[in-house]
PDB file of all heavy atoms in Angstrom:
ATOM      1  N   LEU A   1     108.684 110.577  71.372  1.00  0.00           N
ATOM      2  CA  LEU A   1     109.120 110.081  72.673  1.00  0.00           C
ATOM      3  C   LEU A   1     108.800 108.595  72.787  1.00  0.00           C
ATOM      4  O   LEU A   1     107.750 108.142  72.364  1.00  0.00           O
ATOM      5  CB  LEU A   1     108.420 110.862  73.779  1.00  0.00           C
ATOM      6  CG  LEU A   1     108.730 112.358  73.796  1.00  0.00           C
ATOM      7  CD1 LEU A   1     107.825 113.076  74.784  1.00  0.00           C
ATOM      8  CD2 LEU A   1     110.188 112.618  74.109  1.00  0.00           C
ATOM      9  N   THR A   2     109.730 107.838  73.362  1.00  0.00           N
ATOM     10  CA  THR A   2     109.579 106.381  73.457  1.00  0.00           C
ATOM     11  C   THR A   2     108.748 105.974  74.675  1.00  0.00           C
ATOM     12  O   THR A   2     108.526 106.761  75.599  1.00  0.00           O
ATOM     13  CB  THR A   2     110.955 105.705  73.575  1.00  0.00           C
ATOM     14  OG1 THR A   2     111.554 106.126  74.812  1.00  0.00           O
ATOM     15  CG2 THR A   2     111.857 106.029  72.400  1.00  0.00           C
ATOM     16  N   GLU A   3     108.316 104.729  74.674  1.00  0.00           N
ATOM     17  CA  GLU A   3     107.597 104.191  75.821  1.00  0.00           C
ATOM     18  C   GLU A   3     108.473 104.252  77.072  1.00  0.00           C
ATOM     19  O   GLU A   3     107.998 104.565  78.163  1.00  0.00           O
ATOM     20  CB  GLU A   3     107.160 102.749  75.546  1.00  0.00           C
ATOM     21  CG  GLU A   3     106.383 102.141  76.678  1.00  0.00           C
ATOM     22  CD  GLU A   3     105.859 100.748  76.382  1.00  0.00           C
ATOM     23  OE1 GLU A   3     106.151 100.200  75.309  1.00  0.00           O
ATOM     24  OE2 GLU A   3     105.137 100.216  77.247  1.00  0.00           O
ATOM     25  N   ALA A   4     109.777 103.974  76.919  1.00  0.00           N
ATOM     26  CA  ALA A   4     110.705 104.039  78.060  1.00  0.00           C
ATOM     27  C   ALA A   4     110.713 105.434  78.677  1.00  0.00           C
ATOM     28  O   ALA A   4     110.711 105.582  79.904  1.00  0.00           O
ATOM     29  CB  ALA A   4     112.108 103.644  77.616  1.00  0.00           C
ATOM     30  N   TYR A   5     110.704 106.464  77.844  1.00  0.00           N
ATOM     31  CA  TYR A   5     110.653 107.841  78.351  1.00  0.00           C
ATOM     32  C   TYR A   5     109.386 108.058  79.172  1.00  0.00           C
ATOM     33  O   TYR A   5     109.424 108.598  80.277  1.00  0.00           O
ATOM     34  CB  TYR A   5     110.708 108.840  77.196  1.00  0.00           C
ATOM     35  CG  TYR A   5     110.384 110.241  77.645  1.00  0.00           C
ATOM     36  CD1 TYR A   5     111.363 111.053  78.220  1.00  0.00           C
ATOM     37  CD2 TYR A   5     109.093 110.745  77.545  1.00  0.00           C
ATOM     38  CE1 TYR A   5     111.054 112.325  78.670  1.00  0.00           C
ATOM     39  CE2 TYR A   5     108.790 112.025  77.989  1.00  0.00           C
ATOM     40  CZ  TYR A   5     109.768 112.802  78.548  1.00  0.00           C
ATOM     41  OH  TYR A   5     109.453 114.054  79.005  1.00  0.00           O
ATOM     42  N   HIS A   6     108.245 107.636  78.623  1.00  0.00           N
ATOM     43  CA  HIS A   6     106.974 107.840  79.309  1.00  0.00           C
ATOM     44  C   HIS A   6     106.917 107.064  80.631  1.00  0.00           C
ATOM     45  O   HIS A   6     106.399 107.566  81.629  1.00  0.00           O
ATOM     46  CB  HIS A   6     105.798 107.433  78.421  1.00  0.00           C
ATOM     47  CG  HIS A   6     105.622 108.334  77.248  1.00  0.00           C
ATOM     48  ND1 HIS A   6     105.250 109.652  77.373  1.00  0.00           N
ATOM     49  CD2 HIS A   6     105.776 108.124  75.924  1.00  0.00           C
ATOM     50  CE1 HIS A   6     105.175 110.211  76.168  1.00  0.00           C
ATOM     51  NE2 HIS A   6     105.491 109.293  75.282  1.00  0.00           N
ATOM     52  N   LEU A   7     107.427 105.844  80.645  1.00  0.00           N
ATOM     53  CA  LEU A   7     107.435 105.063  81.879  1.00  0.00           C
ATOM     54  C   LEU A   7     108.289 105.740  82.942  1.00  0.00           C
ATOM     55  O   LEU A   7     107.920 105.774  84.123  1.00  0.00           O
ATOM     56  CB  LEU A   7     107.931 103.647  81.603  1.00  0.00           C
ATOM     57  CG  LEU A   7     106.958 102.758  80.842  1.00  0.00           C
ATOM     58  CD1 LEU A   7     107.641 101.471  80.400  1.00  0.00           C
ATOM     59  CD2 LEU A   7     105.716 102.476  81.661  1.00  0.00           C
ATOM     60  N   GLU A   8     109.416 106.307  82.539  1.00  0.00           N
ATOM     61  CA  GLU A   8     110.273 107.018  83.484  1.00  0.00           C
ATOM     62  C   GLU A   8     109.582 108.287  83.989  1.00  0.00           C
ATOM     63  O   GLU A   8     109.699 108.633  85.161  1.00  0.00           O
ATOM     64  CB  GLU A   8     111.609 107.371  82.823  1.00  0.00           C
ATOM     65  CG  GLU A   8     112.618 107.935  83.790  1.00  0.00           C
ATOM     66  CD  GLU A   8     113.985 108.142  83.164  1.00  0.00           C
ATOM     67  OE1 GLU A   8     114.371 107.337  82.295  1.00  0.00           O
ATOM     68  OE2 GLU A   8     114.646 109.115  83.539  1.00  0.00           O
ATOM     69  N   LYS A   9     108.826 108.949  83.104  1.00  0.00           N
ATOM     70  CA  LYS A   9     108.093 110.152  83.499  1.00  0.00           C
ATOM     71  C   LYS A   9     107.021 109.794  84.531  1.00  0.00           C
ATOM     72  O   LYS A   9     106.803 110.538  85.474  1.00  0.00           O
ATOM     73  CB  LYS A   9     107.458 110.799  82.264  1.00  0.00           C
ATOM     74  CG  LYS A   9     106.718 112.086  82.561  1.00  0.00           C
ATOM     75  CD  LYS A   9     106.263 112.790  81.314  1.00  0.00           C
ATOM     76  CE  LYS A   9     105.288 111.946  80.536  1.00  0.00           C
ATOM     77  NZ  LYS A   9     104.636 112.643  79.450  1.00  0.00           N
ATOM     78  N   GLY A  10     106.338 108.666  84.310  1.00  0.00           N
ATOM     79  CA  GLY A  10     105.444 108.146  85.318  1.00  0.00           C
ATOM     80  C   GLY A  10     103.969 108.465  85.194  1.00  0.00           C
ATOM     81  O   GLY A  10     103.188 108.074  86.057  1.00  0.00           O
ATOM     82  N   TYR A  11     103.557 109.158  84.146  1.00  0.00           N
ATOM     83  CA  TYR A  11     102.135 109.489  84.002  1.00  0.00           C
ATOM     84  C   TYR A  11     101.817 109.870  82.557  1.00  0.00           C
ATOM     85  O   TYR A  11     102.703 110.197  81.782  1.00  0.00           O
ATOM     86  CB  TYR A  11     101.737 110.645  84.924  1.00  0.00           C
ATOM     87  CG  TYR A  11     102.474 111.937  84.631  1.00  0.00           C
ATOM     88  CD1 TYR A  11     101.936 112.884  83.766  1.00  0.00           C
ATOM     89  CD2 TYR A  11     103.704 112.204  85.198  1.00  0.00           C
ATOM     90  CE1 TYR A  11     102.609 114.062  83.479  1.00  0.00           C
ATOM     91  CE2 TYR A  11     104.390 113.368  84.922  1.00  0.00           C
ATOM     92  CZ  TYR A  11     103.836 114.307  84.065  1.00  0.00           C
ATOM     93  OH  TYR A  11     104.525 115.466  83.780  1.00  0.00           O
ATOM     94  N   CYS A  12     100.522 109.843  82.236  1.00  0.00           N
ATOM     95  CA  CYS A  12     100.049 110.270  80.920  1.00  0.00           C
ATOM     96  C   CYS A  12      99.900 111.787  80.926  1.00  0.00           C
ATOM     97  O   CYS A  12      99.214 112.344  81.792  1.00  0.00           O
ATOM     98  CB  CYS A  12      98.706 109.615  80.604  1.00  0.00           C
ATOM     99  SG  CYS A  12      97.941 110.196  79.076  1.00  0.00           S
ATOM    100  N   CYS A  13     100.492 112.449  79.947  1.00  0.00           N
ATOM    101  CA  CYS A  13     100.444 113.921  79.887  1.00  0.00           C
ATOM    102  C   CYS A  13      99.164 114.433  79.238  1.00  0.00           C
ATOM    103  O   CYS A  13      98.847 115.619  79.354  1.00  0.00           O
ATOM    104  CB  CYS A  13     101.658 114.460  79.132  1.00  0.00           C
ATOM    105  SG  CYS A  13     101.726 113.962  77.401  1.00  0.00           S
ATOM    106  N   GLY A  14      98.437 113.561  78.524  1.00  0.00           N
ATOM    107  CA  GLY A  14      97.183 113.969  77.915  1.00  0.00           C
ATOM    108  C   GLY A  14      97.288 114.476  76.492  1.00  0.00           C
ATOM    109  O   GLY A  14      96.301 114.922  75.914  1.00  0.00           O
ATOM    110  N   TYR A  15      98.478 114.404  75.893  1.00  0.00           N
ATOM    111  CA  TYR A  15      98.664 114.897  74.530  1.00  0.00           C
ATOM    112  C   TYR A  15      98.438 113.836  73.459  1.00  0.00           C
ATOM    113  O   TYR A  15      98.475 114.132  72.274  1.00  0.00           O
ATOM    114  CB  TYR A  15     100.059 115.497  74.353  1.00  0.00           C
ATOM    115  CG  TYR A  15     100.217 116.829  75.038  1.00  0.00           C
ATOM    116  CD1 TYR A  15     101.006 116.953  76.172  1.00  0.00           C
ATOM    117  CD2 TYR A  15      99.564 117.962  74.566  1.00  0.00           C
ATOM    118  CE1 TYR A  15     101.141 118.176  76.809  1.00  0.00           C
ATOM    119  CE2 TYR A  15      99.702 119.188  75.196  1.00  0.00           C
ATOM    120  CZ  TYR A  15     100.490 119.282  76.314  1.00  0.00           C
ATOM    121  OH  TYR A  15     100.616 120.490  76.950  1.00  0.00           O
ATOM    122  N   GLY A  16      98.245 112.590  73.857  1.00  0.00           N
ATOM    123  CA  GLY A  16      98.016 111.532  72.879  1.00  0.00           C
ATOM    124  C   GLY A  16      99.293 111.044  72.224  1.00  0.00           C
ATOM    125  O   GLY A  16      99.321 110.769  71.024  1.00  0.00           O
ATOM    126  N   CYS A  17     100.344 110.930  72.996  1.00  0.00           N
ATOM    127  CA  CYS A  17     101.660 110.513  72.480  1.00  0.00           C
ATOM    128  C   CYS A  17     101.589 109.115  71.852  1.00  0.00           C
ATOM    129  O   CYS A  17     100.881 108.232  72.330  1.00  0.00           O
ATOM    130  CB  CYS A  17     102.683 110.525  73.603  1.00  0.00           C
ATOM    131  SG  CYS A  17     102.901 112.141  74.361  1.00  0.00           S
ATOM    132  N   ARG A  18     102.343 108.931  70.796  1.00  0.00           N
ATOM    133  CA  ARG A  18     102.331 107.690  70.016  1.00  0.00           C
ATOM    134  C   ARG A  18     102.623 106.443  70.847  1.00  0.00           C
ATOM    135  O   ARG A  18     102.042 105.393  70.630  1.00  0.00           O
ATOM    136  CB  ARG A  18     103.374 107.820  68.898  1.00  0.00           C
ATOM    137  CG  ARG A  18     103.332 106.731  67.872  1.00  0.00           C
ATOM    138  CD  ARG A  18     104.355 106.933  66.783  1.00  0.00           C
ATOM    139  NE  ARG A  18     104.146 108.202  66.082  1.00  0.00           N
ATOM    140  CZ  ARG A  18     104.932 108.664  65.123  1.00  0.00           C
ATOM    141  NH1 ARG A  18     105.983 107.969  64.738  1.00  0.00           N
ATOM    142  NH2 ARG A  18     104.685 109.822  64.551  1.00  0.00           N
ATOM    143  N   HIS A  19     103.550 106.538  71.793  1.00  0.00           N
ATOM    144  CA  HIS A  19     103.961 105.363  72.565  1.00  0.00           C
ATOM    145  C   HIS A  19     103.513 105.434  74.025  1.00  0.00           C
ATOM    146  O   HIS A  19     104.173 104.901  74.911  1.00  0.00           O
ATOM    147  CB  HIS A  19     105.484 105.201  72.499  1.00  0.00           C
ATOM    148  CG  HIS A  19     105.987 104.970  71.118  1.00  0.00           C
ATOM    149  ND1 HIS A  19     105.704 103.824  70.412  1.00  0.00           N
ATOM    150  CD2 HIS A  19     106.728 105.744  70.300  1.00  0.00           C
ATOM    151  CE1 HIS A  19     106.268 103.911  69.212  1.00  0.00           C
ATOM    152  NE2 HIS A  19     106.891 105.059  69.123  1.00  0.00           N
ATOM    153  N   CYS A  20     102.372 106.042  74.277  1.00  0.00           N
ATOM    154  CA  CYS A  20     101.857 106.167  75.644  1.00  0.00           C
ATOM    155  C   CYS A  20     101.567 104.778  76.231  1.00  0.00           C
ATOM    156  O   CYS A  20     100.752 104.041  75.691  1.00  0.00           O
ATOM    157  CB  CYS A  20     100.583 107.014  75.668  1.00  0.00           C
ATOM    158  SG  CYS A  20      99.886 107.190  77.323  1.00  0.00           S
ATOM    159  N   PRO A  21     102.228 104.432  77.348  1.00  0.00           N
ATOM    160  CA  PRO A  21     101.960 103.139  77.974  1.00  0.00           C
ATOM    161  C   PRO A  21     100.801 103.178  78.969  1.00  0.00           C
ATOM    162  O   PRO A  21     100.507 102.180  79.622  1.00  0.00           O
ATOM    163  CB  PRO A  21     103.281 102.834  78.696  1.00  0.00           C
ATOM    164  CG  PRO A  21     103.780 104.185  79.088  1.00  0.00           C
ATOM    165  CD  PRO A  21     103.368 105.107  77.963  1.00  0.00           C
ATOM    166  N   TYR A  22     100.147 104.321  79.082  1.00  0.00           N
ATOM    167  CA  TYR A  22      99.097 104.520  80.080  1.00  0.00           C
ATOM    168  C   TYR A  22      97.693 104.524  79.485  1.00  0.00           C
ATOM    169  O   TYR A  22      96.764 105.028  80.101  1.00  0.00           O
ATOM    170  CB  TYR A  22      99.338 105.819  80.852  1.00  0.00           C
ATOM    171  CG  TYR A  22     100.697 105.827  81.516  1.00  0.00           C
ATOM    172  CD1 TYR A  22     101.725 106.625  81.030  1.00  0.00           C
ATOM    173  CD2 TYR A  22     100.951 105.008  82.607  1.00  0.00           C
ATOM    174  CE1 TYR A  22     102.973 106.617  81.628  1.00  0.00           C
ATOM    175  CE2 TYR A  22     102.209 104.984  83.203  1.00  0.00           C
ATOM    176  CZ  TYR A  22     103.215 105.801  82.706  1.00  0.00           C
ATOM    177  OH  TYR A  22     104.453 105.776  83.299  1.00  0.00           O
ATOM    178  N   GLU A  23      97.539 103.934  78.307  1.00  0.00           N
ATOM    179  CA  GLU A  23      96.233 103.839  77.642  1.00  0.00           C
ATOM    180  C   GLU A  23      95.538 105.198  77.508  1.00  0.00           C
ATOM    181  O   GLU A  23      94.319 105.280  77.616  1.00  0.00           O
ATOM    182  CB  GLU A  23      95.329 102.829  78.373  1.00  0.00           C
ATOM    183  CG  GLU A  23      95.872 101.421  78.394  1.00  0.00           C
ATOM    184  CD  GLU A  23      96.040 100.809  77.008  1.00  0.00           C
ATOM    185  OE1 GLU A  23      95.109 100.903  76.193  1.00  0.00           O
ATOM    186  OE2 GLU A  23      97.118 100.240  76.747  1.00  0.00           O
ATOM    187  N   TYR A  24      96.349 106.245  77.340  1.00  0.00           N
ATOM    188  CA  TYR A  24      95.836 107.600  77.098  1.00  0.00           C
ATOM    189  C   TYR A  24      94.875 108.062  78.197  1.00  0.00           C
ATOM    190  O   TYR A  24      93.914 108.763  77.936  1.00  0.00           O
ATOM    191  CB  TYR A  24      95.161 107.676  75.727  1.00  0.00           C
ATOM    192  CG  TYR A  24      96.046 107.211  74.608  1.00  0.00           C
ATOM    193  CD1 TYR A  24      95.767 106.033  73.922  1.00  0.00           C
ATOM    194  CD2 TYR A  24      97.164 107.932  74.239  1.00  0.00           C
ATOM    195  CE1 TYR A  24      96.583 105.596  72.885  1.00  0.00           C
ATOM    196  CE2 TYR A  24      97.994 107.507  73.213  1.00  0.00           C
ATOM    197  CZ  TYR A  24      97.699 106.345  72.542  1.00  0.00           C
ATOM    198  OH  TYR A  24      98.512 105.914  71.514  1.00  0.00           O
ATOM    199  N   GLU A  25      95.142 107.681  79.449  1.00  0.00           N
ATOM    200  CA  GLU A  25      94.206 107.941  80.541  1.00  0.00           C
ATOM    201  C   GLU A  25      93.887 109.420  80.771  1.00  0.00           C
ATOM    202  O   GLU A  25      92.815 109.744  81.274  1.00  0.00           O
ATOM    203  CB  GLU A  25      94.691 107.302  81.847  1.00  0.00           C
ATOM    204  CG  GLU A  25      96.003 107.860  82.359  1.00  0.00           C
ATOM    205  CD  GLU A  25      96.549 107.085  83.543  1.00  0.00           C
ATOM    206  OE1 GLU A  25      96.190 105.914  83.716  1.00  0.00           O
ATOM    207  OE2 GLU A  25      97.353 107.660  84.284  1.00  0.00           O
ATOM    208  N   SER A  26      94.780 110.338  80.402  1.00  0.00           N
ATOM    209  CA  SER A  26      94.523 111.772  80.609  1.00  0.00           C
ATOM    210  C   SER A  26      94.043 112.490  79.351  1.00  0.00           C
ATOM    211  O   SER A  26      93.842 113.703  79.375  1.00  0.00           O
ATOM    212  CB  SER A  26      95.793 112.455  81.135  1.00  0.00           C
ATOM    213  OG  SER A  26      96.135 111.928  82.396  1.00  0.00           O
ATOM    214  N   VAL A  27      93.883 111.758  78.254  1.00  0.00           N
ATOM    215  CA  VAL A  27      93.425 112.355  76.991  1.00  0.00           C
ATOM    216  C   VAL A  27      91.901 112.460  77.036  1.00  0.00           C
ATOM    217  O   VAL A  27      91.220 111.485  77.334  1.00  0.00           O
ATOM    218  CB  VAL A  27      93.869 111.508  75.775  1.00  0.00           C
ATOM    219  CG1 VAL A  27      93.333 112.084  74.482  1.00  0.00           C
ATOM    220  CG2 VAL A  27      95.384 111.388  75.737  1.00  0.00           C
ATOM    221  N   PRO A  28      91.354 113.632  76.741  1.00  0.00           N
ATOM    222  CA  PRO A  28      89.894 113.784  76.779  1.00  0.00           C
ATOM    223  C   PRO A  28      89.218 113.058  75.603  1.00  0.00           C
ATOM    224  O   PRO A  28      89.809 112.863  74.548  1.00  0.00           O
ATOM    225  CB  PRO A  28      89.679 115.294  76.681  1.00  0.00           C
ATOM    226  CG  PRO A  28      90.936 115.842  76.113  1.00  0.00           C
ATOM    227  CD  PRO A  28      92.037 114.893  76.449  1.00  0.00           C
ATOM    228  N   GLU A  29      87.978 112.668  75.835  1.00  0.00           N
ATOM    229  CA  GLU A  29      87.157 112.079  74.775  1.00  0.00           C
ATOM    230  C   GLU A  29      86.726 113.189  73.820  1.00  0.00           C
ATOM    231  O   GLU A  29      86.620 114.332  74.236  1.00  0.00           O
ATOM    232  CB  GLU A  29      85.928 111.388  75.369  1.00  0.00           C
ATOM    233  CG  GLU A  29      86.222 110.152  76.167  1.00  0.00           C
ATOM    234  CD  GLU A  29      86.739 108.981  75.351  1.00  0.00           C
ATOM    235  OE1 GLU A  29      86.782 109.049  74.097  1.00  0.00           O
ATOM    236  OE2 GLU A  29      87.119 107.982  75.948  1.00  0.00           O
ATOM    237  N   PRO A  30      86.510 112.912  72.570  1.00  0.00           N
ATOM    238  CA  PRO A  30      86.511 111.604  71.908  1.00  0.00           C
ATOM    239  C   PRO A  30      87.894 111.181  71.422  1.00  0.00           C
ATOM    240  O   PRO A  30      88.056 110.086  70.903  1.00  0.00           O
ATOM    241  CB  PRO A  30      85.561 111.814  70.733  1.00  0.00           C
ATOM    242  CG  PRO A  30      85.755 113.246  70.353  1.00  0.00           C
ATOM    243  CD  PRO A  30      86.008 113.965  71.666  1.00  0.00           C
ATOM    244  N   LYS A  31      88.905 112.025  71.607  1.00  0.00           N
ATOM    245  CA  LYS A  31      90.258 111.715  71.120  1.00  0.00           C
ATOM    246  C   LYS A  31      90.804 110.433  71.751  1.00  0.00           C
ATOM    247  O   LYS A  31      91.459 109.637  71.076  1.00  0.00           O
ATOM    248  CB  LYS A  31      91.192 112.893  71.408  1.00  0.00           C
ATOM    249  CG  LYS A  31      92.580 112.746  70.864  1.00  0.00           C
ATOM    250  CD  LYS A  31      92.610 112.863  69.384  1.00  0.00           C
ATOM    251  CE  LYS A  31      94.046 112.856  68.872  1.00  0.00           C
ATOM    252  NZ  LYS A  31      94.120 112.829  67.429  1.00  0.00           N
ATOM    253  N   LYS A  32      90.519 110.203  73.039  1.00  0.00           N
ATOM    254  CA  LYS A  32      91.019 109.012  73.720  1.00  0.00           C
ATOM    255  C   LYS A  32      90.539 107.741  73.027  1.00  0.00           C
ATOM    256  O   LYS A  32      91.337 106.848  72.732  1.00  0.00           O
ATOM    257  CB  LYS A  32      90.577 109.020  75.178  1.00  0.00           C
ATOM    258  CG  LYS A  32      90.990 107.798  75.954  1.00  0.00           C
ATOM    259  CD  LYS A  32      90.512 107.870  77.388  1.00  0.00           C
ATOM    260  CE  LYS A  32      90.908 106.640  78.166  1.00  0.00           C
ATOM    261  NZ  LYS A  32      90.503 106.744  79.583  1.00  0.00           N
ATOM    262  N   SER A  33      89.247 107.651  72.753  1.00  0.00           N
ATOM    263  CA  SER A  33      88.694 106.462  72.088  1.00  0.00           C
ATOM    264  C   SER A  33      89.283 106.272  70.701  1.00  0.00           C
ATOM    265  O   SER A  33      89.578 105.150  70.280  1.00  0.00           O
ATOM    266  CB  SER A  33      87.176 106.561  71.992  1.00  0.00           C
ATOM    267  OG  SER A  33      86.606 106.506  73.269  1.00  0.00           O
ATOM    268  N   GLN A  34      89.480 107.359  69.984  1.00  0.00           N
ATOM    269  CA  GLN A  34      90.075 107.301  68.644  1.00  0.00           C
ATOM    270  C   GLN A  34      91.502 106.757  68.711  1.00  0.00           C
ATOM    271  O   GLN A  34      91.870 105.867  67.941  1.00  0.00           O
ATOM    272  CB  GLN A  34      90.072 108.686  68.011  1.00  0.00           C
ATOM    273  CG  GLN A  34      90.724 108.742  66.656  1.00  0.00           C
ATOM    274  CD  GLN A  34      90.876 110.176  66.138  1.00  0.00           C
ATOM    275  OE1 GLN A  34      90.483 111.132  66.787  1.00  0.00           O
ATOM    276  NE2 GLN A  34      91.461 110.306  64.972  1.00  0.00           N
ATOM    277  N   LEU A  35      92.291 107.249  69.643  1.00  0.00           N
ATOM    278  CA  LEU A  35      93.677 106.795  69.786  1.00  0.00           C
ATOM    279  C   LEU A  35      93.745 105.327  70.187  1.00  0.00           C
ATOM    280  O   LEU A  35      94.573 104.572  69.673  1.00  0.00           O
ATOM    281  CB  LEU A  35      94.406 107.658  70.808  1.00  0.00           C
ATOM    282  CG  LEU A  35      94.713 109.081  70.367  1.00  0.00           C
ATOM    283  CD1 LEU A  35      95.138 109.927  71.570  1.00  0.00           C
ATOM    284  CD2 LEU A  35      95.778 109.095  69.296  1.00  0.00           C
ATOM    285  N   LEU A  36      92.881 104.917  71.101  1.00  0.00           N
ATOM    286  CA  LEU A  36      92.867 103.507  71.526  1.00  0.00           C
ATOM    287  C   LEU A  36      92.495 102.591  70.366  1.00  0.00           C
ATOM    288  O   LEU A  36      93.075 101.508  70.220  1.00  0.00           O
ATOM    289  CB  LEU A  36      91.911 103.320  72.698  1.00  0.00           C
ATOM    290  CG  LEU A  36      92.389 103.884  74.030  1.00  0.00           C
ATOM    291  CD1 LEU A  36      91.269 103.864  75.058  1.00  0.00           C
ATOM    292  CD2 LEU A  36      93.603 103.134  74.538  1.00  0.00           C
ATOM    293  N   GLN A  37      91.547 103.004  69.536  1.00  0.00           N
ATOM    294  CA  GLN A  37      91.153 102.200  68.372  1.00  0.00           C
ATOM    295  C   GLN A  37      92.296 102.114  67.367  1.00  0.00           C
ATOM    296  O   GLN A  37      92.582 101.043  66.835  1.00  0.00           O
ATOM    297  CB  GLN A  37      89.911 102.796  67.708  1.00  0.00           C
ATOM    298  CG  GLN A  37      89.392 101.965  66.550  1.00  0.00           C
ATOM    299  CD  GLN A  37      88.994 100.559  66.965  1.00  0.00           C
ATOM    300  OE1 GLN A  37      88.433 100.340  68.036  1.00  0.00           O
ATOM    301  NE2 GLN A  37      89.286  99.589  66.130  1.00  0.00           N
ATOM    302  N   GLU A  38      92.979 103.229  67.139  1.00  0.00           N
ATOM    303  CA  GLU A  38      94.123 103.231  66.209  1.00  0.00           C
ATOM    304  C   GLU A  38      95.241 102.335  66.730  1.00  0.00           C
ATOM    305  O   GLU A  38      95.859 101.594  65.966  1.00  0.00           O
ATOM    306  CB  GLU A  38      94.632 104.655  66.011  1.00  0.00           C
ATOM    307  CG  GLU A  38      93.711 105.535  65.202  1.00  0.00           C
ATOM    308  CD  GLU A  38      94.137 106.989  65.179  1.00  0.00           C
ATOM    309  OE1 GLU A  38      95.225 107.328  65.690  1.00  0.00           O
ATOM    310  OE2 GLU A  38      93.359 107.807  64.652  1.00  0.00           O
ATOM    311  N   LYS A  39      95.498 102.406  68.024  1.00  0.00           N
ATOM    312  CA  LYS A  39      96.545 101.580  68.626  1.00  0.00           C
ATOM    313  C   LYS A  39      96.212 100.088  68.500  1.00  0.00           C
ATOM    314  O   LYS A  39      97.055  99.275  68.181  1.00  0.00           O
ATOM    315  CB  LYS A  39      96.716 101.965  70.099  1.00  0.00           C
ATOM    316  CG  LYS A  39      97.882 101.339  70.782  1.00  0.00           C
ATOM    317  CD  LYS A  39      98.019 101.896  72.196  1.00  0.00           C
ATOM    318  CE  LYS A  39      99.333 101.489  72.816  1.00  0.00           C
ATOM    319  NZ  LYS A  39      99.524 102.101  74.132  1.00  0.00           N
ATOM    320  N   LYS A  40      94.939  99.769  68.731  1.00  0.00           N
ATOM    321  CA  LYS A  40      94.473  98.382  68.653  1.00  0.00           C
ATOM    322  C   LYS A  40      94.607  97.814  67.238  1.00  0.00           C
ATOM    323  O   LYS A  40      94.921  96.650  67.041  1.00  0.00           O
ATOM    324  CB  LYS A  40      93.014  98.316  69.113  1.00  0.00           C
ATOM    325  CG  LYS A  40      92.420  96.959  69.141  1.00  0.00           C
ATOM    326  CD  LYS A  40      90.980  97.032  69.623  1.00  0.00           C
ATOM    327  CE  LYS A  40      90.289  95.698  69.519  1.00  0.00           C
ATOM    328  NZ  LYS A  40      88.888  95.783  69.921  1.00  0.00           N
ATOM    329  N   SER A  41      94.347  98.638  66.225  1.00  0.00           N
ATOM    330  CA  SER A  41      94.348  98.172  64.845  1.00  0.00           C
ATOM    331  C   SER A  41      95.679  98.411  64.121  1.00  0.00           C
ATOM    332  O   SER A  41      95.790  98.131  62.934  1.00  0.00           O
ATOM    333  CB  SER A  41      93.210  98.828  64.065  1.00  0.00           C
ATOM    334  OG  SER A  41      93.393 100.218  63.997  1.00  0.00           O
ATOM    335  N   SER A  42      96.702  98.900  64.824  1.00  0.00           N
ATOM    336  CA  SER A  42      97.978  99.173  64.159  1.00  0.00           C
ATOM    337  C   SER A  42      98.705  97.862  63.857  1.00  0.00           C
ATOM    338  O   SER A  42      98.566  96.876  64.589  1.00  0.00           O
ATOM    339  CB  SER A  42      98.851 100.074  65.021  1.00  0.00           C
ATOM    340  OG  SER A  42      99.457  99.345  66.057  1.00  0.00           O
ATOM    341  N   PRO A  43      99.502  97.847  62.794  1.00  0.00           N
ATOM    342  CA  PRO A  43     100.256  96.636  62.412  1.00  0.00           C
ATOM    343  C   PRO A  43     101.233  96.188  63.507  1.00  0.00           C
ATOM    344  O   PRO A  43     101.532  95.015  63.621  1.00  0.00           O
ATOM    345  CB  PRO A  43     101.023  97.055  61.169  1.00  0.00           C
ATOM    346  CG  PRO A  43     100.371  98.295  60.679  1.00  0.00           C
ATOM    347  CD  PRO A  43      99.681  98.911  61.846  1.00  0.00           C
ATOM    348  N   GLU A  44     101.696  97.105  64.341  1.00  0.00           N
ATOM    349  CA  GLU A  44     102.626  96.771  65.433  1.00  0.00           C
ATOM    350  C   GLU A  44     101.973  95.832  66.428  1.00  0.00           C
ATOM    351  O   GLU A  44     102.641  95.054  67.091  1.00  0.00           O
ATOM    352  CB  GLU A  44     103.070  98.033  66.165  1.00  0.00           C
ATOM    353  CG  GLU A  44     103.910  98.959  65.351  1.00  0.00           C
ATOM    354  CD  GLU A  44     104.245 100.247  66.100  1.00  0.00           C
ATOM    355  OE1 GLU A  44     103.849 100.387  67.270  1.00  0.00           O
ATOM    356  OE2 GLU A  44     104.886 101.090  65.497  1.00  0.00           O
ATOM    357  N   ASN A  45     100.645  95.884  66.565  1.00  0.00           N
ATOM    358  CA  ASN A  45      99.932  95.081  67.545  1.00  0.00           C
ATOM    359  C   ASN A  45      99.282  93.837  66.931  1.00  0.00           C
ATOM    360  O   ASN A  45      98.534  93.149  67.599  1.00  0.00           O
ATOM    361  CB  ASN A  45      98.855  95.925  68.237  1.00  0.00           C
ATOM    362  CG  ASN A  45      99.459  97.045  69.033  1.00  0.00           C
ATOM    363  OD1 ASN A  45     100.477  96.857  69.701  1.00  0.00           O
ATOM    364  ND2 ASN A  45      98.882  98.214  68.981  1.00  0.00           N
ATOM    365  N   ALA A  46      99.571  93.561  65.691  1.00  0.00           N
ATOM    366  CA  ALA A  46      98.967  92.392  65.019  1.00  0.00           C
ATOM    367  C   ALA A  46      99.699  91.120  65.354  1.00  0.00           C
ATOM    368  O   ALA A  46     100.776  91.083  65.791  1.00  0.00           O
ATOM    369  CB  ALA A  46      98.957  92.605  63.521  1.00  0.00           C
TER     370      ALA A  46
END
């Protein structure tokens, strides 16, 4: 699912979607921190 889809949906579902524009706010720890670190270090964000 794309970021556009998630923005139209309007909230984080908590599943850790690849293009979550909501900083994984509904994802429980420790998965949330892991996903945020992966997103930060991905080549797309370099």
